[in-house]
Amino acid sequence: MTSTIERPPVKVRASTQRPDRTGARMAPLFGLPAAGVVALLLYLPFLWTTYVSFTQYDGLASPVWTGLANYKAMFSDPDLTGALVNTLLWVVGMVTLPVALGLLIAVLTYGHKWGTWLRLPFLLPYAISGVAVGVIWGFVLQPDGALGQALGFFGLPGAHTGWLQAGPGNTLMMIVAVTWQAAGVNALLFVVGLQSIPGEPLEAARLDGAEGFSLFRHHLWPQLRPITTVVIGLSIVGSLKTFDVVWVMTQGGPGTSSETLALSMYKETFVLNDYGQGAAIALFLSLVTFAASILYLRYQLGDAREQG
């Protein structure tokens, strides 16, 4: 018989060494350079602008504290009130025209054999700058420009219309110009949203008889909600800070009929050298942009929770 020798259980001695936490303590140090850059380029200028908005400052002499004088002047100035109205008009226009046109292009070309090539002409204008868009459409919309000559050639009314000579028509025409530039990228974003939709539910809906607008309304549109939130959010922020196209096409004129808040901020600061008033407009515009973004996102997220 073979006998088995029982070995005593081996006791594992717990290690008395503490884990090295040097890496955990050093980790925040690696974020200091990035935090310093953000503070230098974002937070400090914002704090300085906030301070200047409560002063009278021409960019040369020392700022003189004036309290709320710049804000009182801003809200009592009819030109700035008109700029606020024009800015809101830009928001409404950019949330409707480029978004609706981009969605239409995406839906009509998605799944088409030549869909990529059909979307390409709408996407190309996004590759050029806002200044170039202003130059092109300024040539098209001037009294003897391309649009007027085309209308005159075909004997249509409006050949000698001053499209940019009076508000709010000039603002509406500039919204059309930016729509020409922005519709393509919105279409591309909606195509990305369409590609993320599972194909099985759509096939089941088609088998049930859903097609055309009914298929879009009840099956495609609800699933495009996340990308629609992104597109509209970007449109709101972009429209609130519209500057380049307006400056190139009208410089806010005639008079101040097409000024936006961003353009008023530029004129007050760099044309009239009233840095305090320009800073007040800049701070007000920043707060409006921030509030509009937060309210829109909260509304969208709250609505999504209710539906979920």
Protein backbone atom coordinates (compact mmCIF):
# COMPACT_ATOMS: atom_id res chain seq x y z
CA MET A 1 0.00 0.00 0.00
CA THR A 2 1.13 3.43 -0.80
CA SER A 3 0.70 5.95 1.88
CA THR A 4 -0.07 9.56 1.18
CA ILE A 5 1.66 12.16 3.21
CA GLU A 6 -0.59 15.03 4.11
CA ARG A 7 1.14 18.36 3.81
CA PRO A 8 0.25 21.11 6.21
CA PRO A 9 -1.69 23.97 4.64
CA VAL A 10 0.47 26.75 3.42
CA LYS A 11 -0.37 30.05 5.02
CA VAL A 12 -0.25 32.94 2.66
CA ARG A 13 1.15 35.93 4.41
CA ALA A 14 -0.59 39.11 3.45
CA SER A 15 1.69 41.66 1.94
CA THR A 16 2.42 44.53 4.23
CA GLN A 17 3.48 46.76 1.37
CA ARG A 18 1.06 49.51 0.44
CA PRO A 19 0.22 50.00 -3.24
CA ASP A 20 2.26 52.66 -4.93
CA ARG A 21 -0.06 55.63 -5.33
CA THR A 22 2.52 57.92 -6.78
CA GLY A 23 0.96 57.62 -10.23
CA ALA A 24 -2.48 58.54 -8.89
CA ARG A 25 -1.04 61.58 -7.15
CA MET A 26 0.92 62.63 -10.21
CA ALA A 27 -1.97 62.20 -12.67
CA PRO A 28 -3.53 65.65 -12.07
CA LEU A 29 -0.19 67.25 -12.85
CA PHE A 30 -0.42 66.03 -16.44
CA GLY A 31 -3.65 68.02 -16.85
CA LEU A 32 -2.11 71.27 -15.66
CA PRO A 33 -0.73 72.34 -19.07
CA ALA A 34 -4.12 71.86 -20.73
CA ALA A 35 -5.89 73.61 -17.85
CA GLY A 36 -3.43 76.48 -18.12
CA VAL A 37 -4.05 76.87 -21.85
CA VAL A 38 -7.84 76.86 -21.31
CA ALA A 39 -7.55 79.43 -18.53
CA LEU A 40 -5.24 81.61 -20.60
CA LEU A 41 -7.26 81.52 -23.81
CA LEU A 42 -10.82 81.22 -22.50
CA TYR A 43 -11.45 82.08 -18.87
CA LEU A 44 -9.13 85.05 -18.45
CA PRO A 45 -10.39 86.85 -21.61
CA PHE A 46 -13.96 86.21 -20.50
CA LEU A 47 -13.29 87.67 -17.05
CA TRP A 48 -11.51 90.65 -18.59
CA THR A 49 -14.40 91.24 -21.02
CA THR A 50 -16.85 91.05 -18.13
CA TYR A 51 -14.87 93.67 -16.22
CA VAL A 52 -14.51 95.97 -19.25
CA SER A 53 -18.28 95.82 -19.86
CA PHE A 54 -18.76 97.78 -16.63
CA THR A 55 -16.28 100.48 -17.62
CA GLN A 56 -15.67 103.25 -20.11
CA TYR A 57 -12.63 102.16 -22.06
CA ASP A 58 -11.18 103.24 -25.40
CA GLY A 59 -8.41 100.65 -25.56
CA LEU A 60 -5.66 103.14 -24.65
CA ALA A 61 -6.33 104.85 -21.33
CA SER A 62 -7.15 102.99 -18.14
CA PRO A 63 -10.74 101.71 -17.83
CA VAL A 64 -13.06 103.94 -15.80
CA TRP A 65 -15.72 102.12 -13.77
CA THR A 66 -19.25 103.15 -14.86
CA GLY A 67 -21.36 100.34 -13.43
CA LEU A 68 -24.40 99.41 -15.51
CA ALA A 69 -24.17 102.43 -17.82
CA ASN A 70 -23.17 100.36 -20.86
CA TYR A 71 -26.04 97.93 -20.34
CA LYS A 72 -28.55 100.74 -19.89
CA ALA A 73 -27.32 102.35 -23.10
CA MET A 74 -27.47 99.01 -24.89
CA PHE A 75 -31.09 98.29 -24.02
CA SER A 76 -32.19 101.87 -24.71
CA ASP A 77 -30.48 102.13 -28.12
CA PRO A 78 -32.99 101.47 -30.95
CA ASP A 79 -30.15 100.36 -33.24
CA LEU A 80 -29.17 97.62 -30.84
CA THR A 81 -32.81 96.64 -30.45
CA GLY A 82 -32.97 96.26 -34.23
CA ALA A 83 -29.77 94.19 -34.13
CA LEU A 84 -31.40 91.89 -31.57
CA VAL A 85 -34.47 91.49 -33.81
CA ASN A 86 -32.25 90.70 -36.80
CA THR A 87 -30.33 88.15 -34.74
CA LEU A 88 -33.57 86.43 -33.76
CA LEU A 89 -34.58 86.47 -37.43
CA TRP A 90 -31.30 84.72 -38.24
CA VAL A 91 -32.03 82.09 -35.59
CA VAL A 92 -35.49 81.35 -37.01
CA GLY A 93 -34.20 81.33 -40.59
CA MET A 94 -31.22 79.07 -39.93
CA VAL A 95 -33.25 76.61 -37.88
CA THR A 96 -35.80 76.24 -40.66
CA LEU A 97 -34.32 76.67 -44.15
CA PRO A 98 -30.91 74.88 -44.00
CA VAL A 99 -32.21 72.17 -41.69
CA ALA A 100 -35.33 71.46 -43.75
CA LEU A 101 -33.43 71.56 -47.05
CA GLY A 102 -30.66 69.34 -45.68
CA LEU A 103 -33.19 66.82 -44.41
CA LEU A 104 -34.96 66.81 -47.79
CA ILE A 105 -31.71 66.25 -49.68
CA ALA A 106 -30.68 63.43 -47.33
CA VAL A 107 -33.99 61.58 -47.54
CA LEU A 108 -34.28 61.88 -51.34
CA THR A 109 -30.70 60.75 -52.03
CA TYR A 110 -30.26 58.13 -49.31
CA GLY A 111 -30.17 54.63 -50.75
CA HIS A 112 -29.96 55.97 -54.29
CA LYS A 113 -27.32 54.46 -56.55
CA TRP A 114 -25.86 57.88 -57.29
CA GLY A 115 -26.71 59.38 -53.90
CA THR A 116 -23.15 60.44 -53.07
CA TRP A 117 -22.76 62.28 -56.38
CA LEU A 118 -26.19 63.87 -56.06
CA ARG A 119 -25.25 65.29 -52.64
CA LEU A 120 -21.83 66.51 -53.77
CA PRO A 121 -23.01 69.80 -55.40
CA PHE A 122 -24.79 70.75 -52.18
CA LEU A 123 -21.75 69.89 -50.05
CA LEU A 124 -19.14 71.81 -52.07
CA PRO A 125 -20.23 75.32 -50.89
CA TYR A 126 -19.45 74.30 -47.31
CA ALA A 127 -15.78 74.06 -48.28
CA ILE A 128 -15.55 77.81 -48.92
CA SER A 129 -15.43 80.48 -46.23
CA GLY A 130 -18.24 82.77 -45.13
CA VAL A 131 -16.37 85.70 -46.67
CA ALA A 132 -16.34 83.94 -50.05
CA VAL A 133 -20.06 83.23 -49.71
CA GLY A 134 -20.66 86.92 -49.05
CA VAL A 135 -18.63 87.96 -52.10
CA ILE A 136 -20.40 85.50 -54.40
CA TRP A 137 -23.89 86.36 -53.25
CA GLY A 138 -23.11 90.06 -53.12
CA PHE A 139 -22.35 89.83 -56.83
CA VAL A 140 -25.56 87.86 -57.43
CA LEU A 141 -27.85 90.17 -55.45
CA GLN A 142 -26.54 93.65 -56.27
CA PRO A 143 -28.97 95.81 -58.34
CA ASP A 144 -27.29 94.97 -61.67
CA GLY A 145 -26.01 91.60 -60.52
CA ALA A 146 -26.43 88.11 -61.87
CA LEU A 147 -29.93 87.59 -60.48
CA GLY A 148 -31.24 90.88 -61.85
CA GLN A 149 -29.73 90.22 -65.26
CA ALA A 150 -31.20 86.73 -65.38
CA LEU A 151 -34.67 88.01 -64.46
CA GLY A 152 -34.39 90.76 -67.08
CA PHE A 153 -33.27 88.29 -69.75
CA PHE A 154 -36.35 86.14 -69.22
CA GLY A 155 -38.64 89.15 -68.87
CA LEU A 156 -39.54 88.36 -65.25
CA PRO A 157 -40.35 90.99 -62.59
CA GLY A 158 -37.72 92.01 -60.08
CA ALA A 159 -34.90 92.66 -62.55
CA HIS A 160 -34.04 96.01 -60.94
CA THR A 161 -34.90 95.13 -57.34
CA GLY A 162 -32.42 96.21 -54.68
CA TRP A 163 -32.36 92.92 -52.82
CA LEU A 164 -29.96 94.24 -50.17
CA GLN A 165 -31.19 97.82 -49.98
CA ALA A 166 -33.89 97.55 -47.29
CA GLY A 167 -34.65 95.47 -44.23
CA PRO A 168 -35.80 92.92 -43.34
CA GLY A 169 -35.59 91.73 -46.95
CA ASN A 170 -31.81 92.08 -46.98
CA THR A 171 -31.54 89.83 -43.92
CA LEU A 172 -33.79 87.24 -45.53
CA MET A 173 -31.67 87.22 -48.70
CA MET A 174 -28.50 86.73 -46.64
CA ILE A 175 -30.17 83.82 -44.86
CA VAL A 176 -30.79 82.31 -48.29
CA ALA A 177 -27.08 82.78 -49.08
CA VAL A 178 -25.99 80.97 -45.91
CA THR A 179 -28.59 78.27 -46.58
CA TRP A 180 -26.81 77.61 -49.89
CA GLN A 181 -23.64 77.00 -47.89
CA ALA A 182 -25.04 75.10 -44.89
CA ALA A 183 -27.64 72.79 -46.45
CA GLY A 184 -25.04 70.33 -47.74
CA VAL A 185 -23.35 69.64 -44.42
CA ASN A 186 -26.75 69.29 -42.75
CA ALA A 187 -27.66 66.75 -45.42
CA LEU A 188 -24.45 64.86 -44.66
CA LEU A 189 -25.27 64.76 -40.94
CA PHE A 190 -28.78 63.50 -41.67
CA VAL A 191 -27.35 60.79 -43.94
CA VAL A 192 -25.20 59.65 -41.01
CA GLY A 193 -28.38 59.49 -38.94
CA LEU A 194 -30.16 57.49 -41.63
CA GLN A 195 -27.28 55.02 -41.80
CA SER A 196 -27.63 54.34 -38.08
CA ILE A 197 -31.28 53.26 -38.42
CA PRO A 198 -31.70 49.44 -38.42
CA GLY A 199 -33.01 48.10 -41.70
CA GLU A 200 -35.29 45.38 -40.27
CA PRO A 201 -37.96 47.70 -38.78
CA LEU A 202 -38.12 49.65 -42.06
CA GLU A 203 -38.57 46.47 -44.06
CA ALA A 204 -41.32 45.37 -41.69
CA ALA A 205 -43.00 48.76 -42.06
CA ARG A 206 -42.84 48.49 -45.85
CA LEU A 207 -44.40 45.03 -45.70
CA ASP A 208 -47.22 46.55 -43.62
CA GLY A 209 -47.88 49.05 -46.40
CA ALA A 210 -45.98 52.09 -45.11
CA GLU A 211 -44.39 54.11 -47.89
CA GLY A 212 -43.59 57.67 -48.92
CA PHE A 213 -44.43 60.36 -46.39
CA SER A 214 -46.10 57.87 -44.05
CA LEU A 215 -42.89 55.83 -43.82
CA PHE A 216 -40.86 58.98 -43.17
CA ARG A 217 -43.23 60.44 -40.57
CA HIS A 218 -43.85 57.35 -38.47
CA HIS A 219 -40.59 55.41 -38.83
CA LEU A 220 -37.70 57.51 -40.13
CA TRP A 221 -38.32 60.86 -38.44
CA PRO A 222 -38.62 59.53 -34.84
CA GLN A 223 -35.30 57.70 -35.20
CA LEU A 224 -33.61 60.80 -36.61
CA ARG A 225 -34.31 62.70 -33.40
CA PRO A 226 -30.75 62.47 -31.94
CA ILE A 227 -29.05 63.79 -35.07
CA THR A 228 -31.77 66.42 -35.52
CA THR A 229 -31.01 67.70 -32.02
CA VAL A 230 -27.35 68.08 -32.99
CA VAL A 231 -28.11 69.82 -36.30
CA ILE A 232 -30.57 72.30 -34.80
CA GLY A 233 -28.27 72.99 -31.84
CA LEU A 234 -25.38 73.82 -34.16
CA SER A 235 -27.68 75.99 -36.27
CA ILE A 236 -28.82 77.99 -33.23
CA VAL A 237 -25.28 78.65 -32.03
CA GLY A 238 -24.05 79.51 -35.52
CA SER A 239 -26.91 81.90 -36.25
CA LEU A 240 -26.46 83.81 -32.98
CA LYS A 241 -22.86 84.70 -33.87
CA THR A 242 -23.42 85.48 -37.56
CA PHE A 243 -20.93 88.09 -38.68
CA ASP A 244 -18.80 87.43 -41.77
CA VAL A 245 -21.52 87.14 -44.41
CA VAL A 246 -23.36 90.23 -43.13
CA TRP A 247 -20.17 92.29 -42.96
CA VAL A 248 -19.11 91.41 -46.50
CA MET A 249 -22.54 91.82 -48.11
CA THR A 250 -24.00 94.89 -46.36
CA GLN A 251 -21.73 95.88 -43.42
CA GLY A 252 -24.97 96.05 -41.45
CA GLY A 253 -26.59 98.57 -43.78
CA PRO A 254 -28.15 100.43 -45.27
CA GLY A 255 -27.82 102.30 -42.00
CA THR A 256 -28.23 99.59 -39.38
CA SER A 257 -31.09 97.73 -41.08
CA SER A 258 -29.22 94.40 -41.30
CA GLU A 259 -26.97 94.57 -38.23
CA THR A 260 -26.73 91.59 -35.93
CA LEU A 261 -25.50 91.59 -32.34
CA ALA A 262 -22.12 90.24 -33.44
CA LEU A 263 -21.80 93.04 -36.00
CA SER A 264 -22.85 95.68 -33.45
CA MET A 265 -20.22 94.34 -31.06
CA TYR A 266 -17.55 94.67 -33.78
CA LYS A 267 -18.58 98.20 -34.74
CA GLU A 268 -18.75 99.46 -31.17
CA THR A 269 -15.36 97.98 -30.34
CA PHE A 270 -13.18 98.40 -33.42
CA VAL A 271 -14.91 101.18 -35.39
CA LEU A 272 -16.11 103.49 -32.61
CA ASN A 273 -13.39 102.42 -30.13
CA ASP A 274 -15.98 102.04 -27.37
CA TYR A 275 -14.58 98.89 -25.82
CA GLY A 276 -16.87 99.05 -22.81
CA GLN A 277 -20.03 99.09 -24.93
CA GLY A 278 -18.63 96.40 -27.22
CA ALA A 279 -17.79 94.21 -24.23
CA ALA A 280 -21.32 94.64 -22.86
CA ILE A 281 -22.80 93.48 -26.18
CA ALA A 282 -20.32 90.58 -26.32
CA LEU A 283 -21.23 89.45 -22.81
CA PHE A 284 -24.94 89.76 -23.53
CA LEU A 285 -24.54 87.75 -26.75
CA SER A 286 -22.56 85.06 -24.91
CA LEU A 287 -25.25 84.75 -22.24
CA VAL A 288 -28.00 84.57 -24.88
CA THR A 289 -26.11 81.84 -26.76
CA PHE A 290 -25.47 79.87 -23.58
CA ALA A 291 -29.06 80.19 -22.37
CA ALA A 292 -30.52 79.25 -25.77
CA SER A 293 -28.29 76.17 -25.98
CA ILE A 294 -29.09 75.00 -22.45
CA LEU A 295 -32.84 75.56 -22.80
CA TYR A 296 -32.96 73.78 -26.15
CA LEU A 297 -30.96 70.78 -24.92
CA ARG A 298 -33.00 70.50 -21.72
CA TYR A 299 -36.21 70.62 -23.73
CA GLN A 300 -34.97 67.95 -26.13
CA LEU A 301 -33.67 65.67 -23.38
CA GLY A 302 -36.83 66.08 -21.32
CA ASP A 303 -39.00 65.29 -24.32
CA ALA A 304 -36.83 62.25 -25.12
CA ARG A 305 -37.28 60.93 -21.56
CA GLU A 306 -41.03 61.29 -21.80
CA GLN A 307 -41.12 59.37 -25.06
CA GLY A 308 -38.69 56.77 -23.73
